[in-house]
């Protein structure tokens, strides 16, 4: 169970960073990619991008997961078409961690009840122990019941932690996406390597050129 939770957490974290890396993909209302290398800044796109508030995106995602992402992913040309693809990913991650929490909590309660019943020699409640744990009652296996009880208790703690982390990543993703929405990706900002003569160094070689607006 711990390995499954770890793999799940790593895969969700990876998908989060992949989605952040794609946050600068710009498309028009028809879904076609907008080329930003021409040096022309679309005033409509610029106005929409700058109207997105990272604070609002963070608050909305903190209240309802996915709300901030829907708020941020606005299109251009006034159509304001949202891209909903992140919402099922977010709810899949949060829902899975919630499901793992519910599973472990149920089994923690069952094993705790069985262990307590066995330790107290409460024969009146032997029949109320889960049928899958009856064999431990029959063979008086307190050690195994105690081990499983502690194991499920740890898993409950881990699943709560992962649930909080997934919710937090949802807020961080919306905030970062909102910041990148208004980030200037025009050709006036750039980094390039240029061979040839350098006026600054007064010699031939390779120059690293940083361009600022």
Foldseek 3Di string as FASTA:
>chain_A
DVVVLVVLLVVLVVVLVVVLVCLLFADAPVRHTDDQAPQDDDPQLLVLLVVQDLVVLLVLLLVPQQRLQQSLQAHGPPPGDGDRPVVVSLCVQLVVLVVQLVVLVVQLVLLVVCLVCLVVVVVVCLVVRPPVCNVCSVVSVNVVSVVSNVVSVVSNVVSVVSSVVSSVSSSVSSSSSSVSSNDDPHPQFDWDKDFAADPVVRGGGIDIDTGHD
